[in-house]
Amino acid sequence: MNNKGEPENNFFRVSHKVFDDEKFKQLNNSAKVLYFTLCKLRNRFADENGVFFRSDRTLVKDSGLGLSSIWRARHELLQNNFIKWKQGKSHIACLYQINDLN
């Protein structure tokens, strides 16, 4: 493992619970792609509380999704309580945190 807790060889951690979660199964594919992208980013950039920052424009590059797809996917993840999010100021990264699945 590297110093940020991310396994080597380009792997990243995702909770196994998400694959069995009925709400997750109902998400559109863009929301799933964004969720997994956010998990990857959390493993690389999060502080000890699991919080990290990313701009929407950077998320476009990270995920391969378009900007409007990012907005819709984030809304869907927020509605279903998969993430926490706080909007940053113009051109400043937004705060993200992946919620634990119980």
N, C-alpha and C. Protein backbone atom coordinates (compact mmCIF):
# COMPACT_ATOMS: atom_id res chain seq x y z
N MET A 1 0.84 -1.19 0.00
CA MET A 1 0.00 0.00 0.00
C MET A 1 0.88 1.24 0.00
N ASN A 2 0.37 2.28 -0.63
CA ASN A 2 1.10 3.54 -0.59
C ASN A 2 0.76 4.28 0.69
N ASN A 3 1.33 5.47 0.87
CA ASN A 3 1.14 6.20 2.12
C ASN A 3 -0.27 6.77 2.30
N LYS A 4 -1.11 6.76 1.28
CA LYS A 4 -2.49 7.25 1.41
C LYS A 4 -3.48 6.10 1.61
N GLY A 5 -3.00 4.88 1.77
CA GLY A 5 -3.88 3.75 2.01
C GLY A 5 -4.43 3.13 0.74
N GLU A 6 -3.95 3.58 -0.41
CA GLU A 6 -4.42 3.02 -1.68
C GLU A 6 -3.52 1.86 -2.07
N PRO A 7 -4.09 0.69 -2.32
CA PRO A 7 -3.27 -0.44 -2.75
C PRO A 7 -2.52 -0.11 -4.04
N GLU A 8 -1.37 -0.73 -4.18
CA GLU A 8 -0.59 -0.51 -5.39
C GLU A 8 -1.23 -1.23 -6.58
N ASN A 9 -0.66 -1.10 -7.74
CA ASN A 9 -1.14 -1.73 -8.97
C ASN A 9 -2.48 -1.18 -9.43
N ASN A 10 -2.76 0.09 -9.13
CA ASN A 10 -3.95 0.78 -9.63
C ASN A 10 -5.27 0.24 -9.11
N PHE A 11 -5.31 -0.33 -7.94
CA PHE A 11 -6.56 -0.75 -7.31
C PHE A 11 -7.02 0.34 -6.35
N PHE A 12 -8.32 0.38 -6.08
CA PHE A 12 -8.81 1.28 -5.05
C PHE A 12 -9.94 0.59 -4.30
N ARG A 13 -10.15 1.04 -3.05
CA ARG A 13 -11.14 0.41 -2.17
C ARG A 13 -12.55 0.93 -2.43
N VAL A 14 -13.50 0.01 -2.46
CA VAL A 14 -14.93 0.32 -2.53
C VAL A 14 -15.62 -0.67 -1.61
N SER A 15 -16.59 -0.20 -0.85
CA SER A 15 -17.32 -1.08 0.05
C SER A 15 -18.06 -2.16 -0.75
N HIS A 16 -17.99 -3.40 -0.29
CA HIS A 16 -18.73 -4.49 -0.93
C HIS A 16 -20.23 -4.29 -0.77
N LYS A 17 -20.64 -3.58 0.26
CA LYS A 17 -22.06 -3.37 0.54
C LYS A 17 -22.76 -2.64 -0.59
N VAL A 18 -22.03 -1.79 -1.30
CA VAL A 18 -22.66 -1.00 -2.35
C VAL A 18 -23.23 -1.89 -3.45
N PHE A 19 -22.59 -2.99 -3.73
CA PHE A 19 -23.05 -3.88 -4.80
C PHE A 19 -24.34 -4.61 -4.44
N ASP A 20 -24.64 -4.72 -3.16
CA ASP A 20 -25.87 -5.37 -2.71
C ASP A 20 -26.97 -4.38 -2.36
N ASP A 21 -26.65 -3.09 -2.37
CA ASP A 21 -27.60 -2.06 -1.98
C ASP A 21 -28.64 -1.86 -3.09
N GLU A 22 -29.90 -2.00 -2.73
CA GLU A 22 -30.99 -1.89 -3.73
C GLU A 22 -31.05 -0.48 -4.34
N LYS A 23 -30.81 0.55 -3.51
CA LYS A 23 -30.83 1.91 -4.05
C LYS A 23 -29.70 2.10 -5.06
N PHE A 24 -28.54 1.53 -4.77
CA PHE A 24 -27.42 1.67 -5.69
C PHE A 24 -27.71 0.98 -7.02
N LYS A 25 -28.35 -0.17 -6.96
CA LYS A 25 -28.69 -0.89 -8.18
C LYS A 25 -29.62 -0.08 -9.08
N GLN A 26 -30.42 0.81 -8.48
CA GLN A 26 -31.38 1.61 -9.24
C GLN A 26 -30.78 2.90 -9.82
N LEU A 27 -29.57 3.26 -9.42
CA LEU A 27 -28.94 4.48 -9.92
C LEU A 27 -28.68 4.36 -11.41
N ASN A 28 -28.68 5.51 -12.10
CA ASN A 28 -28.31 5.46 -13.51
C ASN A 28 -26.80 5.24 -13.61
N ASN A 29 -26.35 4.86 -14.78
CA ASN A 29 -24.94 4.50 -14.95
C ASN A 29 -24.00 5.67 -14.69
N SER A 30 -24.40 6.89 -15.00
CA SER A 30 -23.54 8.04 -14.73
C SER A 30 -23.32 8.22 -13.23
N ALA A 31 -24.35 8.01 -12.44
CA ALA A 31 -24.21 8.11 -10.98
C ALA A 31 -23.27 7.03 -10.46
N LYS A 32 -23.34 5.85 -11.02
CA LYS A 32 -22.44 4.77 -10.60
C LYS A 32 -21.00 5.10 -10.97
N VAL A 33 -20.79 5.61 -12.17
CA VAL A 33 -19.44 6.00 -12.60
C VAL A 33 -18.90 7.10 -11.68
N LEU A 34 -19.73 8.09 -11.38
CA LEU A 34 -19.28 9.16 -10.49
C LEU A 34 -18.98 8.61 -9.10
N TYR A 35 -19.81 7.72 -8.59
CA TYR A 35 -19.57 7.15 -7.27
C TYR A 35 -18.21 6.45 -7.23
N PHE A 36 -17.92 5.61 -8.21
CA PHE A 36 -16.65 4.90 -8.21
C PHE A 36 -15.47 5.85 -8.42
N THR A 37 -15.67 6.89 -9.20
CA THR A 37 -14.63 7.91 -9.37
C THR A 37 -14.36 8.60 -8.04
N LEU A 38 -15.42 8.94 -7.32
CA LEU A 38 -15.25 9.58 -6.02
C LEU A 38 -14.57 8.65 -5.02
N CYS A 39 -14.86 7.37 -5.06
CA CYS A 39 -14.16 6.41 -4.19
C CYS A 39 -12.67 6.39 -4.50
N LYS A 40 -12.33 6.39 -5.77
CA LYS A 40 -10.93 6.42 -6.18
C LYS A 40 -10.25 7.69 -5.67
N LEU A 41 -10.92 8.82 -5.84
CA LEU A 41 -10.35 10.09 -5.40
C LEU A 41 -10.23 10.15 -3.88
N ARG A 42 -11.21 9.60 -3.17
CA ARG A 42 -11.14 9.55 -1.71
C ARG A 42 -9.89 8.81 -1.27
N ASN A 43 -9.64 7.68 -1.90
CA ASN A 43 -8.49 6.88 -1.51
C ASN A 43 -7.18 7.61 -1.77
N ARG A 44 -7.16 8.49 -2.73
CA ARG A 44 -5.93 9.23 -3.05
C ARG A 44 -5.78 10.53 -2.29
N PHE A 45 -6.88 11.25 -2.05
CA PHE A 45 -6.77 12.63 -1.60
C PHE A 45 -7.44 12.96 -0.26
N ALA A 46 -8.22 12.04 0.31
CA ALA A 46 -9.00 12.37 1.51
C ALA A 46 -8.13 12.56 2.74
N ASP A 47 -8.63 13.41 3.63
CA ASP A 47 -7.98 13.57 4.93
C ASP A 47 -8.41 12.41 5.84
N GLU A 48 -8.04 12.48 7.10
CA GLU A 48 -8.35 11.39 8.03
C GLU A 48 -9.84 11.20 8.26
N ASN A 49 -10.66 12.19 7.89
CA ASN A 49 -12.12 12.08 8.01
C ASN A 49 -12.78 11.65 6.70
N GLY A 50 -11.99 11.36 5.69
CA GLY A 50 -12.54 10.94 4.41
C GLY A 50 -13.01 12.08 3.54
N VAL A 51 -12.63 13.30 3.87
CA VAL A 51 -13.07 14.49 3.14
C VAL A 51 -11.99 14.88 2.12
N PHE A 52 -12.42 15.22 0.91
CA PHE A 52 -11.49 15.70 -0.11
C PHE A 52 -12.19 16.74 -0.98
N PHE A 53 -11.42 17.45 -1.75
CA PHE A 53 -11.93 18.53 -2.59
C PHE A 53 -11.68 18.20 -4.06
N ARG A 54 -12.64 18.57 -4.88
CA ARG A 54 -12.51 18.38 -6.34
C ARG A 54 -13.45 19.35 -7.03
N SER A 55 -12.99 19.97 -8.10
CA SER A 55 -13.85 20.85 -8.87
C SER A 55 -14.66 20.04 -9.87
N ASP A 56 -15.77 20.59 -10.32
CA ASP A 56 -16.58 19.91 -11.32
C ASP A 56 -15.80 19.71 -12.61
N ARG A 57 -15.03 20.71 -13.00
CA ARG A 57 -14.24 20.60 -14.24
C ARG A 57 -13.21 19.49 -14.14
N THR A 58 -12.62 19.33 -12.99
CA THR A 58 -11.65 18.25 -12.79
C THR A 58 -12.35 16.90 -12.76
N LEU A 59 -13.56 16.86 -12.18
CA LEU A 59 -14.33 15.61 -12.18
C LEU A 59 -14.68 15.15 -13.59
N VAL A 60 -14.89 16.10 -14.49
CA VAL A 60 -15.13 15.75 -15.90
C VAL A 60 -13.94 14.96 -16.43
N LYS A 61 -12.75 15.44 -16.14
CA LYS A 61 -11.53 14.74 -16.59
C LYS A 61 -11.35 13.41 -15.88
N ASP A 62 -11.63 13.41 -14.58
CA ASP A 62 -11.44 12.19 -13.77
C ASP A 62 -12.38 11.07 -14.18
N SER A 63 -13.64 11.43 -14.50
CA SER A 63 -14.68 10.42 -14.71
C SER A 63 -14.98 10.11 -16.16
N GLY A 64 -14.69 11.06 -17.05
CA GLY A 64 -15.06 10.90 -18.46
C GLY A 64 -16.51 11.30 -18.73
N LEU A 65 -17.21 11.79 -17.70
CA LEU A 65 -18.59 12.24 -17.86
C LEU A 65 -18.60 13.72 -18.26
N GLY A 66 -19.67 14.15 -18.89
CA GLY A 66 -19.85 15.57 -19.20
C GLY A 66 -20.26 16.34 -17.96
N LEU A 67 -20.15 17.65 -18.03
CA LEU A 67 -20.46 18.49 -16.89
C LEU A 67 -21.91 18.34 -16.43
N SER A 68 -22.85 18.33 -17.36
CA SER A 68 -24.26 18.18 -16.95
C SER A 68 -24.52 16.77 -16.38
N SER A 69 -23.80 15.78 -16.88
CA SER A 69 -23.93 14.43 -16.31
C SER A 69 -23.38 14.38 -14.89
N ILE A 70 -22.30 15.11 -14.64
CA ILE A 70 -21.75 15.20 -13.28
C ILE A 70 -22.80 15.79 -12.34
N TRP A 71 -23.44 16.87 -12.77
CA TRP A 71 -24.43 17.54 -11.91
C TRP A 71 -25.61 16.62 -11.62
N ARG A 72 -26.13 15.93 -12.65
CA ARG A 72 -27.27 15.02 -12.43
C ARG A 72 -26.86 13.83 -11.57
N ALA A 73 -25.69 13.27 -11.83
CA ALA A 73 -25.22 12.12 -11.07
C ALA A 73 -24.99 12.48 -9.61
N ARG A 74 -24.39 13.64 -9.36
CA ARG A 74 -24.15 14.09 -7.99
C ARG A 74 -25.49 14.27 -7.26
N HIS A 75 -26.45 14.88 -7.94
CA HIS A 75 -27.78 15.06 -7.35
C HIS A 75 -28.39 13.71 -6.97
N GLU A 76 -28.27 12.74 -7.84
CA GLU A 76 -28.82 11.41 -7.57
C GLU A 76 -28.10 10.74 -6.40
N LEU A 77 -26.78 10.88 -6.32
CA LEU A 77 -26.03 10.31 -5.20
C LEU A 77 -26.38 11.00 -3.89
N LEU A 78 -26.58 12.31 -3.94
CA LEU A 78 -26.99 13.04 -2.74
C LEU A 78 -28.39 12.63 -2.28
N GLN A 79 -29.33 12.54 -3.22
CA GLN A 79 -30.70 12.15 -2.88
C GLN A 79 -30.76 10.78 -2.22
N ASN A 80 -29.87 9.90 -2.63
CA ASN A 80 -29.87 8.53 -2.10
C ASN A 80 -28.86 8.34 -0.97
N ASN A 81 -28.29 9.44 -0.50
CA ASN A 81 -27.41 9.45 0.67
C ASN A 81 -26.12 8.63 0.50
N PHE A 82 -25.59 8.59 -0.71
CA PHE A 82 -24.32 7.91 -0.93
C PHE A 82 -23.12 8.81 -0.68
N ILE A 83 -23.32 10.13 -0.79
CA ILE A 83 -22.24 11.09 -0.60
C ILE A 83 -22.72 12.29 0.20
N LYS A 84 -21.75 13.02 0.74
CA LYS A 84 -21.98 14.36 1.28
C LYS A 84 -21.23 15.31 0.35
N TRP A 85 -21.77 16.51 0.19
CA TRP A 85 -21.18 17.46 -0.75
C TRP A 85 -21.46 18.87 -0.29
N LYS A 86 -20.48 19.73 -0.44
CA LYS A 86 -20.67 21.14 -0.15
C LYS A 86 -20.05 21.93 -1.30
N GLN A 87 -20.86 22.79 -1.88
CA GLN A 87 -20.42 23.56 -3.04
C GLN A 87 -19.34 24.55 -2.66
N GLY A 88 -18.31 24.62 -3.51
CA GLY A 88 -17.27 25.63 -3.33
C GLY A 88 -17.64 26.90 -4.07
N LYS A 89 -16.82 27.92 -3.90
CA LYS A 89 -17.04 29.17 -4.61
C LYS A 89 -16.69 28.98 -6.08
N SER A 90 -17.02 29.91 -6.89
CA SER A 90 -16.77 29.83 -8.33
C SER A 90 -15.33 29.40 -8.61
N HIS A 91 -15.18 28.36 -9.39
CA HIS A 91 -13.89 27.81 -9.80
C HIS A 91 -13.06 27.25 -8.65
N ILE A 92 -13.68 27.08 -7.49
CA ILE A 92 -12.99 26.47 -6.36
C ILE A 92 -13.61 25.10 -6.12
N ALA A 93 -12.76 24.16 -5.77
CA ALA A 93 -13.21 22.78 -5.61
C ALA A 93 -14.28 22.64 -4.54
N CYS A 94 -15.16 21.67 -4.76
CA CYS A 94 -16.23 21.34 -3.83
C CYS A 94 -15.75 20.27 -2.87
N LEU A 95 -16.36 20.22 -1.70
CA LEU A 95 -16.02 19.24 -0.68
C LEU A 95 -16.85 17.98 -0.89
N TYR A 96 -16.21 16.83 -0.82
CA TYR A 96 -16.90 15.54 -0.98
C TYR A 96 -16.55 14.62 0.18
N GLN A 97 -17.49 13.75 0.50
CA GLN A 97 -17.26 12.68 1.46
C GLN A 97 -18.18 11.52 1.08
N ILE A 98 -17.64 10.31 1.06
CA ILE A 98 -18.43 9.11 0.77
C ILE A 98 -19.09 8.67 2.07
N ASN A 99 -20.41 8.46 2.06
CA ASN A 99 -21.11 7.98 3.26
C ASN A 99 -20.91 6.49 3.42
N ASP A 100 -20.78 6.07 4.67
CA ASP A 100 -20.69 4.65 4.99
C ASP A 100 -22.06 4.03 4.75
N LEU A 101 -22.08 2.83 4.21
CA LEU A 101 -23.34 2.11 4.02
C LEU A 101 -23.55 1.21 5.22
N ASN A 102 -24.73 1.29 5.78
CA ASN A 102 -25.04 0.44 6.95
C ASN A 102 -26.02 -0.64 6.57
